[in-house]
Protein backbone atom coordinates (compact mmCIF):
# COMPACT_ATOMS: atom_id res chain seq x y z
CA MET A 1 -25.53 0.57 -3.70
CA THR A 2 -21.76 0.43 -4.06
CA ASP A 3 -19.57 3.37 -4.94
CA PRO A 4 -18.46 3.18 -8.62
CA THR A 5 -15.13 4.82 -7.72
CA TRP A 6 -14.54 2.05 -5.19
CA GLU A 7 -15.44 -0.58 -7.80
CA SER A 8 -13.06 0.72 -10.45
CA HIS A 9 -10.24 1.33 -7.97
CA MET A 10 -10.38 -2.06 -6.25
CA GLY A 11 -11.50 -4.10 -9.25
CA VAL A 12 -14.14 -5.85 -7.14
CA PRO A 13 -17.61 -4.61 -8.12
CA SER A 14 -19.42 -6.39 -5.31
CA ALA A 15 -17.09 -5.42 -2.45
CA THR A 16 -17.87 -2.70 0.03
CA PRO A 17 -14.96 -1.13 1.95
CA TYR A 18 -15.70 -3.26 5.02
CA GLU A 19 -15.97 -6.45 2.96
CA ARG A 20 -12.65 -5.71 1.26
CA THR A 21 -10.92 -4.94 4.58
CA ASN A 22 -12.22 -8.19 6.08
CA GLU A 23 -11.17 -10.12 2.98
CA LEU A 24 -7.60 -8.78 3.16
CA THR A 25 -7.41 -9.47 6.90
CA GLU A 26 -8.55 -13.07 6.36
CA LYS A 27 -5.91 -13.55 3.65
CA VAL A 28 -3.11 -12.32 5.91
CA VAL A 29 -4.22 -14.60 8.74
CA ALA A 30 -4.66 -17.57 6.35
CA MET A 31 -1.04 -17.09 5.17
CA GLY A 32 0.13 -17.39 8.76
CA GLY A 33 0.33 -13.66 9.38
CA ASP A 34 -0.12 -12.37 12.90
CA LEU A 35 -1.91 -9.04 12.78
CA SER A 36 -1.08 -8.33 16.42
CA GLY A 37 2.71 -8.63 16.11
CA ARG A 38 3.85 -7.08 12.85
CA ASN A 39 6.00 -4.33 14.32
CA ALA A 40 8.22 -4.88 17.35
CA ARG A 41 9.10 -1.15 17.45
CA ALA A 42 5.54 -0.37 18.53
CA LYS A 43 6.06 -1.87 22.00
CA GLU A 44 8.07 1.04 23.39
CA PRO A 45 7.26 4.75 23.01
CA PHE A 46 9.29 6.55 20.36
CA TYR A 47 9.11 9.65 22.57
CA SER A 48 7.73 10.15 26.05
CA ASP A 49 7.57 12.90 28.65
CA ASP A 50 5.28 13.81 31.55
CA SER A 51 2.32 14.66 29.33
CA VAL A 52 2.63 12.66 26.10
CA LYS A 53 3.68 9.29 24.68
CA LEU A 54 4.40 9.02 20.98
CA PHE A 55 4.59 5.57 19.36
CA HIS A 56 6.21 4.77 16.02
CA GLY A 57 4.62 1.74 14.46
CA ASP A 58 1.57 0.31 12.79
CA CYS A 59 -1.43 1.73 14.64
CA LEU A 60 -3.13 -1.67 14.88
CA ASP A 61 -0.06 -3.05 16.66
CA VAL A 62 0.21 -0.09 19.00
CA LEU A 63 -3.52 -0.02 19.80
CA ALA A 64 -3.58 -3.78 20.48
CA GLN A 65 -0.96 -3.31 23.22
CA MET A 66 -2.80 -0.49 25.00
CA PRO A 67 -5.14 -1.15 27.90
CA ASP A 68 -8.82 -0.21 27.73
CA ASN A 69 -9.72 3.38 28.70
CA SER A 70 -6.06 4.45 28.85
CA VAL A 71 -5.83 7.33 26.36
CA ASP A 72 -7.11 10.91 26.65
CA ALA A 73 -6.97 11.70 22.91
CA LEU A 74 -5.94 10.09 19.63
CA VAL A 75 -4.59 12.22 16.79
CA THR A 76 -3.97 10.37 13.55
CA ASP A 77 -3.50 10.88 9.83
CA PRO A 78 -4.33 7.39 8.49
CA PRO A 79 -4.09 6.28 4.85
CA TYR A 80 -6.75 7.94 2.72
CA GLY A 81 -7.52 4.93 0.53
CA LEU A 82 -6.53 6.62 -2.72
CA GLY A 83 -3.89 4.14 -3.87
CA PHE A 84 -1.36 6.99 -3.72
CA MET A 85 1.41 6.37 -6.24
CA GLY A 86 0.29 2.74 -6.47
CA LYS A 87 1.37 2.00 -2.89
CA ALA A 88 -0.44 -0.93 -1.23
CA TRP A 89 -0.51 0.79 2.18
CA ASP A 90 -2.94 3.33 0.75
CA ASP A 91 -5.38 0.88 -0.87
CA LEU A 92 -8.00 1.27 1.85
CA PRO A 93 -8.95 3.86 4.42
CA PRO A 94 -9.00 2.44 7.95
CA GLY A 95 -12.17 0.51 8.67
CA LEU A 96 -14.35 -0.62 11.50
CA PRO A 97 -11.74 -2.80 13.33
CA TRP A 98 -9.41 0.22 13.57
CA ALA A 99 -12.19 2.52 14.82
CA GLN A 100 -13.29 -0.06 17.40
CA GLN A 101 -9.74 -0.26 18.76
CA CYS A 102 -9.58 3.54 18.97
CA LEU A 103 -12.82 3.61 20.96
CA ARG A 104 -11.62 0.80 23.23
CA VAL A 105 -8.43 2.60 24.32
CA LEU A 106 -10.00 6.05 24.73
CA LYS A 107 -11.08 7.12 28.18
CA PRO A 108 -14.75 8.12 28.55
CA GLY A 109 -15.06 11.60 27.07
CA GLY A 110 -11.82 11.18 25.08
CA HIS A 111 -11.50 12.62 21.59
CA LEU A 112 -10.42 11.21 18.26
CA LEU A 113 -8.99 13.59 15.66
CA ALA A 114 -8.52 11.66 12.42
CA PHE A 115 -7.58 13.30 9.14
CA GLY A 116 -9.21 11.95 5.98
CA GLY A 117 -8.83 12.57 2.27
CA THR A 118 -11.34 14.79 0.50
CA ARG A 119 -12.52 11.87 -1.65
CA THR A 120 -12.67 9.24 1.10
CA TRP A 121 -13.34 11.03 4.40
CA HIS A 122 -16.90 9.70 4.36
CA ARG A 123 -15.57 6.13 4.65
CA LEU A 124 -13.50 7.13 7.67
CA ALA A 125 -16.47 8.92 9.25
CA LEU A 126 -18.73 5.90 8.64
CA ALA A 127 -16.29 3.53 10.37
CA VAL A 128 -15.93 5.92 13.32
CA GLY A 129 -19.70 6.27 13.70
CA ASP A 130 -20.32 2.53 13.29
CA ALA A 131 -17.75 1.81 16.02
CA GLY A 132 -19.85 3.77 18.49
CA PHE A 133 -18.30 7.23 18.47
CA ALA A 134 -20.57 10.25 18.59
CA VAL A 135 -19.75 12.34 15.52
CA PRO A 136 -21.30 15.72 16.31
CA ASP A 137 -19.24 17.72 13.82
CA SER A 138 -16.41 17.53 11.38
CA ILE A 139 -13.89 20.12 10.28
CA ALA A 140 -13.12 20.54 6.58
CA TRP A 141 -9.82 21.95 5.41
CA LEU A 142 -10.43 23.11 1.86
CA TYR A 143 -7.41 23.79 -0.28
CA VAL A 144 -6.27 23.55 -3.89
CA SER A 145 -3.46 21.25 -4.87
CA GLY A 146 -2.20 19.94 -8.16
CA PHE A 147 -0.88 16.72 -6.65
CA PRO A 148 -2.23 14.05 -6.29
């Protein structure tokens, strides 16, 4: 069963989030796009000291450059998939390919802290679980906001 909110938002009644993500990825590649080299800034840390490296760039680009089992923890606030203010970057929450890359770069026992929107966190959690992460608990931050 597909989510009616997903159907009305994406205008594709038969598409699941994973199907839509794969469809968009295939379109970019078919147009000659290189999903591994979109952002040259991602190659060097934006900030680095003895205990942390901070990268500024598309997470898929940054993750693709990192070796396996090289990261202690990932903290991220990815797009929520709400179509915020009609922006294309927020059409989809991150999917399975993103979660698989996160798992690949994390050291054994490493942790992923990923923020998700109240209406779409379940899609994020599904991708994380399907990638192979153990999801023992989640933390909910409940608040009231008039926007968006």
